[in-house]
């Protein structure tokens, strides 16, 4: 990535919001903006509003870029925007992140800020927006087009009140399925040394497209020997060769006996009478609404269903190495090693989930492709806290209580996110009717 030969076009402050440790996308934005003539002040991760306000007062930026990965981070963006407004800061705000949408930006963040707020779906969109904001001919129109001081009023009649949240199992989920035996109940802690195998489980779209900004169908372009695809592939392969020397992948997992209790799941030690932990989940407020507890089968003849939990990581020493390369001016390597570590953790989650299915008696058919795995076309599903079916990140504490992932070097932040960032935690369900859905939060309504 070569820097554009141009004077500074403007100054941008970038920050990952309070409580969030994810910054690969933000760091890619930093490199792209810097290489296109912008001066970038990168405040890093977990940036509280007061630190951002002080930085704005010191650096007087032309724009602020906020980043965050999970649902909780979008709510933090609203809080941050409110605090910026209270502090009298009025420069354009650019926001981006996996859980963010144009609608949420317009209806929640922008009204809280009262000034221009632009949704950037990716790094190149961020560059385009900055170019337009800094262009005197376009600036006024762009700012006015992204200023939403009030949430838009509903044009149609107000919707009916949603049905109450119940604890009734969804009729969409079968209950007449035999309970499969758990293959083992002891806790497994493993180093996973075979990087080449784990890398075969990486989704190319996520690594090359989502994380490294490749436009177009990377796999198709690579097969057709498109020069840009070939160049990116060979550059990543060179980073992999460096990663062989220091990247360490670790995993911890365990099967737990499980019972459904309304919208909750009780976990037990083998043969235990009292739960050792209980997860409480939300349910869709609709007829036959889904809840994760629906996927646990009722005990039969004294035999309980099981729920495996796991944590995997590929992040040890990676951030430090990325920072070394960044300071040395090797910007692509700095971004690529973070992206590779993140997707190695995701690939390890895919690899371990396949192994758990096999151990549990549900091996993938021989015809299963990696694309099938990337689109969850297999028996059962895995779910991670912070995502729509189980959005409460505080529930991560239950996994830490039961699995002790500190033993593989993964800890929870104050905001219940994992450090190192290149880590994945999940609950694994075997039920063949498992689906991804968005649960409503809150306690069931009294009835």
Protein backbone atom coordinates (compact mmCIF):
# COMPACT_ATOMS: atom_id res chain seq x y z
CA UNK A 1 0.00 0.00 0.00
CA UNK A 2 1.76 3.11 -1.21
CA UNK A 3 1.00 6.52 0.19
CA UNK A 4 -0.53 9.07 -2.17
CA UNK A 5 1.78 11.93 -3.05
CA UNK A 6 -0.42 14.73 -1.80
CA UNK A 7 -0.60 17.27 0.98
CA UNK A 8 -2.87 16.47 3.92
CA UNK A 9 -6.48 16.71 2.78
CA UNK A 10 -7.94 16.76 6.26
CA UNK A 11 -7.64 15.34 9.76
CA UNK A 12 -9.68 12.40 11.07
CA UNK A 13 -9.88 10.92 14.56
CA UNK A 14 -10.65 7.18 14.62
CA UNK A 15 -11.77 5.21 17.67
CA UNK A 16 -13.31 1.88 18.58
CA UNK A 17 -16.06 2.70 21.08
CA UNK A 18 -15.96 2.02 24.80
CA UNK A 19 -16.15 -1.67 25.68
CA UNK A 20 -15.20 -2.93 22.21
CA UNK A 21 -11.82 -4.52 21.42
CA UNK A 22 -12.32 -5.02 17.67
CA UNK A 23 -10.26 -2.78 15.43
CA UNK A 24 -9.25 -4.57 12.22
CA UNK A 25 -11.78 -2.63 10.14
CA UNK A 26 -10.82 0.64 11.80
CA UNK A 27 -7.12 0.01 11.20
CA UNK A 28 -7.83 -0.70 7.53
CA UNK A 29 -9.68 2.63 7.35
CA UNK A 30 -6.64 4.31 8.92
CA UNK A 31 -4.30 2.93 6.28
CA UNK A 32 -6.61 3.77 3.38
CA UNK A 33 -7.21 7.31 4.62
CA UNK A 34 -3.51 7.87 5.36
CA UNK A 35 -2.52 6.60 1.93
CA UNK A 36 -4.99 9.03 0.37
CA UNK A 37 -3.57 12.11 2.00
CA UNK A 38 -5.48 12.34 5.30
CA UNK A 39 -3.89 12.86 8.68
CA UNK A 40 -5.27 10.16 11.00
CA UNK A 41 -5.24 10.12 14.79
CA UNK A 42 -6.05 6.54 15.83
CA UNK A 43 -7.12 6.41 19.48
CA UNK A 44 -7.25 2.60 19.53
CA UNK A 45 -9.83 0.36 21.21
CA UNK A 46 -12.23 0.72 24.17
CA UNK A 47 -12.22 4.53 23.86
CA UNK A 48 -14.59 6.18 26.38
CA UNK A 49 -16.47 9.33 25.29
CA UNK A 50 -14.46 11.63 27.58
CA UNK A 51 -11.17 10.51 25.98
CA UNK A 52 -12.65 11.11 22.52
CA UNK A 53 -13.85 14.56 23.56
CA UNK A 54 -10.38 15.49 24.88
CA UNK A 55 -8.79 14.26 21.65
CA UNK A 56 -11.22 16.37 19.60
CA UNK A 57 -10.41 19.45 21.64
CA UNK A 58 -6.69 18.82 21.21
CA UNK A 59 -6.54 17.80 17.55
CA UNK A 60 -9.53 19.74 16.12
CA UNK A 61 -10.39 17.09 13.47
CA UNK A 62 -12.41 17.58 10.31
CA UNK A 63 -14.32 14.36 11.07
CA UNK A 64 -14.60 11.56 13.62
CA UNK A 65 -14.82 7.87 12.75
CA UNK A 66 -16.39 5.45 15.25
CA UNK A 67 -16.13 1.68 14.98
CA UNK A 68 -17.65 -1.27 16.84
CA UNK A 69 -18.46 -4.88 16.03
CA UNK A 70 -21.31 -6.10 18.23
CA UNK A 71 -24.90 -5.08 19.00
CA UNK A 72 -23.83 -3.58 22.33
CA UNK A 73 -21.39 -1.30 20.50
CA UNK A 74 -24.14 0.28 18.42
CA UNK A 75 -25.86 1.38 21.65
CA UNK A 76 -22.53 2.76 22.88
CA UNK A 77 -22.31 4.83 19.67
CA UNK A 78 -25.58 6.52 20.64
CA UNK A 79 -24.18 7.31 24.09
CA UNK A 80 -20.93 8.60 22.59
CA UNK A 81 -22.80 10.78 20.07
CA UNK A 82 -24.88 12.26 22.90
CA UNK A 83 -21.76 13.07 24.92
CA UNK A 84 -20.07 14.65 21.89
CA UNK A 85 -23.11 16.86 21.35
CA UNK A 86 -23.17 17.88 25.03
CA UNK A 87 -19.47 18.82 24.75
CA UNK A 88 -20.25 21.13 21.82
CA UNK A 89 -18.51 19.03 19.17
CA UNK A 90 -20.18 19.32 15.77
CA UNK A 91 -17.80 17.85 13.15
CA UNK A 92 -19.17 15.12 10.84
CA UNK A 93 -19.38 11.64 12.38
CA UNK A 94 -18.65 8.51 10.33
CA UNK A 95 -19.79 5.22 11.86
CA UNK A 96 -19.25 1.60 10.85
CA UNK A 97 -19.39 -1.93 12.19
CA UNK A 98 -20.86 -5.37 11.56
CA UNK A 99 -23.99 -4.90 13.68
CA UNK A 100 -24.64 -1.35 12.45
CA UNK A 101 -27.12 -0.39 9.72
CA UNK A 102 -28.11 2.69 7.74
CA UNK A 103 -31.48 2.65 9.50
CA UNK A 104 -29.98 2.55 13.01
CA UNK A 105 -27.59 5.34 12.06
CA UNK A 106 -30.42 7.57 10.81
CA UNK A 107 -32.94 6.84 13.56
CA UNK A 108 -30.76 6.45 16.67
CA UNK A 109 -27.23 7.84 16.33
CA UNK A 110 -27.95 10.88 14.15
CA UNK A 111 -30.79 12.27 16.31
CA UNK A 112 -28.59 11.84 19.39
CA UNK A 113 -25.78 13.83 17.74
CA UNK A 114 -27.83 16.50 15.96
CA UNK A 115 -25.14 16.95 13.29
CA UNK A 116 -24.13 15.01 10.17
CA UNK A 117 -23.73 11.27 10.80
CA UNK A 118 -22.66 9.09 7.85
CA UNK A 119 -22.93 5.30 7.75
CA UNK A 120 -19.84 3.74 6.16
CA UNK A 121 -20.50 0.10 5.28
CA UNK A 122 -16.81 -0.51 4.54
CA UNK A 123 -13.42 1.20 4.40
CA UNK A 124 -13.73 2.39 0.81
CA UNK A 125 -17.13 3.94 1.55
CA UNK A 126 -15.44 5.79 4.40
CA UNK A 127 -12.83 7.17 2.01
CA UNK A 128 -15.49 8.24 -0.47
CA UNK A 129 -17.46 10.01 2.24
CA UNK A 130 -14.37 11.83 3.51
CA UNK A 131 -13.47 12.94 -0.02
CA UNK A 132 -16.95 14.37 -0.49
CA UNK A 133 -16.98 16.03 2.93
CA UNK A 134 -13.65 17.73 2.22
CA UNK A 135 -14.67 18.81 -1.30
CA UNK A 136 -15.97 22.41 -1.06
CA UNK A 137 -18.31 21.79 -4.00
CA UNK A 138 -20.00 18.82 -2.30
CA UNK A 139 -19.56 19.45 1.41
CA UNK A 140 -22.80 21.33 2.14
CA UNK A 141 -25.00 18.85 0.29
CA UNK A 142 -23.32 15.84 1.91
CA UNK A 143 -23.64 17.23 5.43
CA UNK A 144 -27.25 18.27 4.90
CA UNK A 145 -28.08 14.88 3.42
CA UNK A 146 -26.77 13.12 6.53
CA UNK A 147 -28.26 15.36 9.20
CA UNK A 148 -31.25 13.76 10.94
CA UNK A 149 -32.05 15.76 14.04
CA UNK A 150 -35.22 13.80 14.77
CA UNK A 151 -36.12 10.17 14.29
CA UNK A 152 -38.50 10.00 11.30
CA UNK A 153 -42.14 9.91 12.32
CA UNK A 154 -44.06 6.81 11.39
CA UNK A 155 -46.17 7.42 8.31
CA UNK A 156 -48.32 4.35 8.73
CA UNK A 157 -50.58 3.55 11.66
CA UNK A 158 -48.69 2.51 14.78
CA UNK A 159 -48.13 -1.25 14.85
CA UNK A 160 -50.10 -3.41 17.20
CA UNK A 161 -48.47 -4.22 20.51
CA UNK A 162 -46.31 -7.32 20.13
CA UNK A 163 -47.62 -10.50 21.69
CA UNK A 164 -46.30 -11.24 25.18
CA UNK A 165 -43.05 -13.11 25.61
CA UNK A 166 -43.94 -16.61 26.71
CA UNK A 167 -42.01 -19.65 27.87
CA UNK A 168 -43.90 -22.02 25.56
CA UNK A 169 -41.61 -24.03 23.28
CA UNK A 170 -41.95 -23.17 19.62
CA UNK A 171 -43.99 -25.58 17.54
CA UNK A 172 -41.34 -25.23 14.84
CA UNK A 173 -38.95 -27.37 16.90
CA UNK A 174 -39.55 -31.11 17.07
CA UNK A 175 -39.51 -32.83 20.45
CA UNK A 176 -39.76 -36.48 19.38
CA UNK A 177 -36.04 -36.85 18.70
CA UNK A 178 -33.93 -39.36 20.65
CA UNK A 179 -31.27 -37.86 22.91
CA UNK A 180 -27.82 -38.57 21.47
CA UNK A 181 -25.21 -39.80 23.91
CA UNK A 182 -22.37 -37.40 24.73
CA UNK A 183 -19.02 -38.85 23.64
CA UNK A 184 -17.18 -37.61 26.76
CA UNK A 185 -17.82 -35.25 29.66
CA UNK A 186 -14.30 -34.23 30.67
CA UNK A 187 -12.87 -30.81 29.83
CA UNK A 188 -10.55 -30.75 26.83
CA UNK A 189 -7.67 -28.26 26.56
CA UNK A 190 -5.61 -28.48 23.39
CA UNK A 191 -2.94 -26.77 21.37
CA UNK A 192 -3.99 -26.96 17.71
CA UNK A 193 -0.70 -26.92 15.80
CA UNK A 194 -1.81 -27.70 12.25
CA UNK A 195 -2.13 -24.19 10.85
CA UNK A 196 -2.41 -25.36 7.24
CA UNK A 197 -5.48 -27.45 8.10
CA UNK A 198 -7.06 -24.63 10.11
CA UNK A 199 -6.41 -22.16 7.29
CA UNK A 200 -8.35 -24.43 4.94
CA UNK A 201 -11.40 -23.60 7.12
CA UNK A 202 -11.06 -19.85 6.56
CA UNK A 203 -13.85 -18.23 4.55
CA UNK A 204 -12.08 -16.38 1.68
CA UNK A 205 -14.83 -13.75 1.51
CA UNK A 206 -14.26 -12.82 5.15
CA UNK A 207 -10.45 -12.73 4.94
CA UNK A 208 -9.93 -11.09 1.56
CA UNK A 209 -13.19 -9.19 1.16
CA UNK A 210 -14.54 -8.17 4.55
CA UNK A 211 -11.22 -7.75 6.36
CA UNK A 212 -8.80 -6.78 3.59
CA UNK A 213 -11.21 -4.81 1.42
CA UNK A 214 -11.09 -6.79 -1.84
CA UNK A 215 -13.89 -5.72 -4.18
CA UNK A 216 -15.54 -8.40 -6.29
CA UNK A 217 -15.63 -12.19 -6.08
CA UNK A 218 -12.14 -13.01 -4.81
CA UNK A 219 -12.27 -16.77 -5.42
CA UNK A 220 -13.60 -16.31 -8.97
CA UNK A 221 -11.05 -13.60 -9.76
CA UNK A 222 -8.23 -15.68 -8.32
CA UNK A 223 -9.24 -18.69 -10.42
CA UNK A 224 -9.24 -16.42 -13.48
CA UNK A 225 -5.79 -15.04 -12.54
CA UNK A 226 -6.97 -11.46 -12.12
CA UNK A 227 -3.80 -9.45 -11.28
CA UNK A 228 -5.24 -7.74 -8.17
CA UNK A 229 -6.54 -11.02 -6.76
CA UNK A 230 -3.23 -12.75 -7.45
CA UNK A 231 -1.28 -9.92 -5.83
CA UNK A 232 -3.42 -9.96 -2.70
CA UNK A 233 -3.26 -13.77 -2.47
CA UNK A 234 0.54 -13.83 -2.72
CA UNK A 235 0.88 -10.98 -0.20
CA UNK A 236 -1.28 -12.87 2.30
CA UNK A 237 0.68 -16.08 1.66
CA UNK A 238 3.86 -14.18 2.56
CA UNK A 239 2.26 -13.08 5.84
CA UNK A 240 1.24 -16.69 6.51
CA UNK A 241 4.88 -17.73 6.15
CA UNK A 242 5.77 -15.23 8.88
CA UNK A 243 2.81 -16.36 11.01
CA UNK A 244 4.08 -19.97 10.99
CA UNK A 245 6.85 -18.83 13.35
CA UNK A 246 4.71 -17.32 16.11
CA UNK A 247 0.97 -17.94 15.73
CA UNK A 248 -0.31 -20.30 18.43
CA UNK A 249 -3.85 -21.71 18.29
CA UNK A 250 -5.51 -23.11 21.41
CA UNK A 251 -8.91 -24.52 22.27
CA UNK A 252 -10.91 -25.52 25.35
CA UNK A 253 -14.29 -27.30 25.23
CA UNK A 254 -16.60 -29.49 27.28
CA UNK A 255 -19.99 -31.24 27.05
CA UNK A 256 -22.41 -30.42 29.87
CA UNK A 257 -25.63 -32.16 30.84
CA UNK A 258 -28.50 -29.79 30.09
CA UNK A 259 -32.17 -29.33 30.91
CA UNK A 260 -34.65 -26.83 29.54
CA UNK A 261 -36.65 -24.75 32.03
CA UNK A 262 -38.91 -22.33 30.16
CA UNK A 263 -36.59 -19.90 28.38
CA UNK A 264 -33.58 -21.00 30.43
CA UNK A 265 -31.07 -23.82 30.16
CA UNK A 266 -29.70 -25.43 33.33
CA UNK A 267 -26.28 -27.06 33.06
CA UNK A 268 -25.19 -29.88 35.38
CA UNK A 269 -22.05 -31.79 36.27
CA UNK A 270 -22.35 -35.49 35.33
CA UNK A 271 -25.30 -36.93 37.25
CA UNK A 272 -25.62 -33.77 39.33
CA UNK A 273 -28.93 -32.84 40.95
CA UNK A 274 -28.43 -29.07 41.21
CA UNK A 275 -27.45 -26.84 38.26
CA UNK A 276 -23.89 -25.58 38.20
CA UNK A 277 -24.98 -22.72 35.92
CA UNK A 278 -28.12 -21.40 34.24
CA UNK A 279 -28.29 -19.40 31.01
CA UNK A 280 -31.41 -17.23 30.56
CA UNK A 281 -32.41 -16.47 26.97
CA UNK A 282 -34.88 -14.21 25.20
CA UNK A 283 -37.65 -15.48 22.94
CA UNK A 284 -39.21 -14.03 19.80
CA UNK A 285 -42.42 -12.19 20.66
CA UNK A 286 -44.57 -13.86 18.03
CA UNK A 287 -46.65 -16.96 17.52
CA UNK A 288 -44.32 -19.96 17.69
CA UNK A 289 -41.45 -17.62 18.59
CA UNK A 290 -38.05 -19.27 18.92
CA UNK A 291 -35.73 -19.42 21.93
CA UNK A 292 -32.42 -21.25 22.24
CA UNK A 293 -33.84 -23.33 25.09
CA UNK A 294 -36.22 -24.94 22.57
CA UNK A 295 -33.28 -26.85 21.13
CA UNK A 296 -32.64 -28.79 24.35
CA UNK A 297 -34.58 -32.06 24.47
CA UNK A 298 -36.52 -33.04 27.58
CA UNK A 299 -34.88 -35.68 29.76
CA UNK A 300 -36.01 -39.25 29.10
CA UNK A 301 -35.59 -42.20 31.47
CA UNK A 302 -33.14 -40.24 33.59
CA UNK A 303 -30.96 -39.28 30.60
CA UNK A 304 -30.35 -35.60 29.92
CA UNK A 305 -29.52 -33.82 26.70
CA UNK A 306 -26.12 -32.10 26.44
CA UNK A 307 -24.76 -28.68 25.49
CA UNK A 308 -21.07 -28.32 24.54
CA UNK A 309 -19.34 -24.99 25.14
CA UNK A 310 -16.03 -23.94 23.60
CA UNK A 311 -13.51 -21.12 23.36
CA UNK A 312 -10.74 -20.97 20.75
CA UNK A 313 -8.03 -18.38 20.19
CA UNK A 314 -5.31 -17.54 17.68
CA UNK A 315 -4.44 -14.12 19.08
CA UNK A 316 -1.46 -14.53 21.41
CA UNK A 317 1.30 -12.02 20.51
CA UNK A 318 -0.49 -11.02 17.30
CA UNK A 319 -1.40 -7.46 18.25
CA UNK A 320 2.17 -6.79 19.39
CA UNK A 321 3.56 -8.10 16.10
CA UNK A 322 1.05 -6.02 14.14
CA UNK A 323 2.09 -2.90 16.05
CA UNK A 324 5.78 -3.61 15.34
CA UNK A 325 5.07 -3.85 11.61
CA UNK A 326 2.92 -0.73 11.70
CA UNK A 327 5.69 1.27 13.39
CA UNK A 328 8.12 -0.05 10.78
CA UNK A 329 5.86 1.23 7.99
CA UNK A 330 4.82 -2.26 6.88
CA UNK A 331 1.14 -1.36 6.86
CA UNK A 332 -0.22 -4.23 4.80
CA UNK A 333 1.48 -6.83 6.99
CA UNK A 334 0.16 -5.06 10.08
CA UNK A 335 -3.44 -5.27 8.88
CA UNK A 336 -3.08 -8.70 7.28
CA UNK A 337 -1.76 -10.44 10.40
CA UNK A 338 -4.68 -9.10 12.45
CA UNK A 339 -7.13 -10.24 9.77
CA UNK A 340 -5.41 -13.61 9.46
CA UNK A 341 -5.51 -14.15 13.23
CA UNK A 342 -9.19 -13.24 13.43
CA UNK A 343 -10.12 -15.55 10.58
CA UNK A 344 -7.84 -18.29 11.93
CA UNK A 345 -9.88 -18.16 15.14
CA UNK A 346 -13.09 -18.33 13.10
CA UNK A 347 -11.66 -21.19 11.06
CA UNK A 348 -10.67 -22.99 14.25
CA UNK A 349 -14.24 -22.57 15.53
CA UNK A 350 -15.47 -24.15 12.28
CA UNK A 351 -12.89 -26.94 12.58
CA UNK A 352 -13.72 -27.66 16.23
CA UNK A 353 -17.47 -27.57 15.57
CA UNK A 354 -16.97 -30.18 12.83
CA UNK A 355 -14.98 -32.32 15.27
CA UNK A 356 -17.69 -31.99 17.96
CA UNK A 357 -20.33 -33.07 15.43
CA UNK A 358 -18.24 -36.10 14.52
CA UNK A 359 -17.59 -37.01 18.17
CA UNK A 360 -21.33 -36.63 18.90
CA UNK A 361 -22.35 -38.99 16.09
CA UNK A 362 -23.27 -36.41 13.43
CA UNK A 363 -20.36 -36.49 10.96
CA UNK A 364 -20.65 -34.30 7.89
CA UNK A 365 -21.50 -36.28 4.74
CA UNK A 366 -18.50 -36.88 2.45
CA UNK A 367 -20.03 -34.48 -0.09
CA UNK A 368 -19.97 -31.56 2.39
CA UNK A 369 -17.93 -28.64 1.02
CA UNK A 370 -16.30 -25.78 2.87
CA UNK A 371 -18.91 -23.47 1.37
CA UNK A 372 -21.56 -25.68 2.99
CA UNK A 373 -19.82 -25.19 6.33
CA UNK A 374 -19.50 -21.44 5.81
CA UNK A 375 -23.29 -21.31 5.31
CA UNK A 376 -24.04 -23.66 8.26
CA UNK A 377 -25.39 -26.48 6.08
CA UNK A 378 -24.75 -29.18 8.65
CA UNK A 379 -26.41 -30.88 11.63
CA UNK A 380 -27.21 -28.36 14.40
CA UNK A 381 -25.83 -24.85 14.89
CA UNK A 382 -23.47 -22.90 17.13
CA UNK A 383 -24.33 -19.55 18.70
CA UNK A 384 -22.18 -16.85 20.26
CA UNK A 385 -23.15 -14.28 22.86
CA UNK A 386 -23.46 -10.75 21.50
CA UNK A 387 -25.26 -11.90 18.36
CA UNK A 388 -29.02 -11.81 17.65
CA UNK A 389 -30.17 -15.13 19.14
CA UNK A 390 -28.35 -14.44 22.44
CA UNK A 391 -27.32 -10.76 22.46
CA UNK A 392 -26.50 -10.42 26.17
CA UNK A 393 -22.70 -10.30 26.36
CA UNK A 394 -22.81 -10.56 30.15
CA UNK A 395 -23.63 -14.25 29.66
CA UNK A 396 -20.02 -14.75 28.60
CA UNK A 397 -19.28 -14.93 32.33
CA UNK A 398 -21.04 -18.30 32.44
CA UNK A 399 -18.68 -19.75 29.86
CA UNK A 400 -15.70 -18.42 31.78
CA UNK A 401 -17.01 -19.88 35.05
CA UNK A 402 -17.42 -23.32 33.49
CA UNK A 403 -14.53 -23.59 31.02
CA UNK A 404 -11.81 -21.35 32.55
CA UNK A 405 -10.53 -20.08 29.18
CA UNK A 406 -7.82 -18.16 31.06
CA UNK A 407 -5.94 -21.44 30.78
CA UNK A 408 -5.60 -20.87 27.03
CA UNK A 409 -4.82 -17.16 27.47
CA UNK A 410 -8.28 -15.65 26.85
CA UNK A 411 -9.81 -13.23 29.34
CA UNK A 412 -12.92 -11.06 29.42
CA UNK A 413 -12.79 -7.28 29.34
CA UNK A 414 -14.96 -5.06 31.49
CA UNK A 415 -17.40 -4.99 28.57
CA UNK A 416 -17.45 -8.82 28.41
CA UNK A 417 -15.52 -9.02 25.14
CA UNK A 418 -12.65 -11.40 24.64
CA UNK A 419 -8.98 -10.52 24.68
CA UNK A 420 -7.11 -11.37 22.53
CA UNK A 421 -9.57 -10.16 19.89
CA UNK A 422 -8.81 -13.17 17.67
CA UNK A 423 -10.92 -15.49 19.84
CA UNK A 424 -14.32 -17.16 19.47
CA UNK A 425 -16.68 -18.54 22.11
CA UNK A 426 -19.79 -20.57 21.34
CA UNK A 427 -22.59 -22.84 22.52
CA UNK A 428 -23.15 -25.88 20.29
CA UNK A 429 -26.62 -27.38 19.77
CA UNK A 430 -27.21 -30.70 17.98
CA UNK A 431 -30.93 -30.27 17.23
CA UNK A 432 -31.60 -30.62 13.48
CA UNK A 433 -34.24 -27.84 13.60
CA UNK A 434 -31.75 -25.21 14.80
CA UNK A 435 -32.03 -21.89 12.95
CA UNK A 436 -30.53 -18.44 13.30
CA UNK A 437 -33.01 -15.84 14.57
CA UNK A 438 -33.26 -12.58 16.49
CA UNK A 439 -34.54 -13.02 20.03
CA UNK A 440 -36.37 -10.35 21.98
CA UNK A 441 -34.74 -9.48 25.28
CA UNK A 442 -36.40 -9.22 28.66
CA UNK A 443 -38.16 -11.51 31.09
CA UNK A 444 -41.22 -13.53 30.06
CA UNK A 445 -44.51 -11.76 30.69
CA UNK A 446 -46.49 -12.89 33.68
CA UNK A 447 -49.51 -14.91 32.71
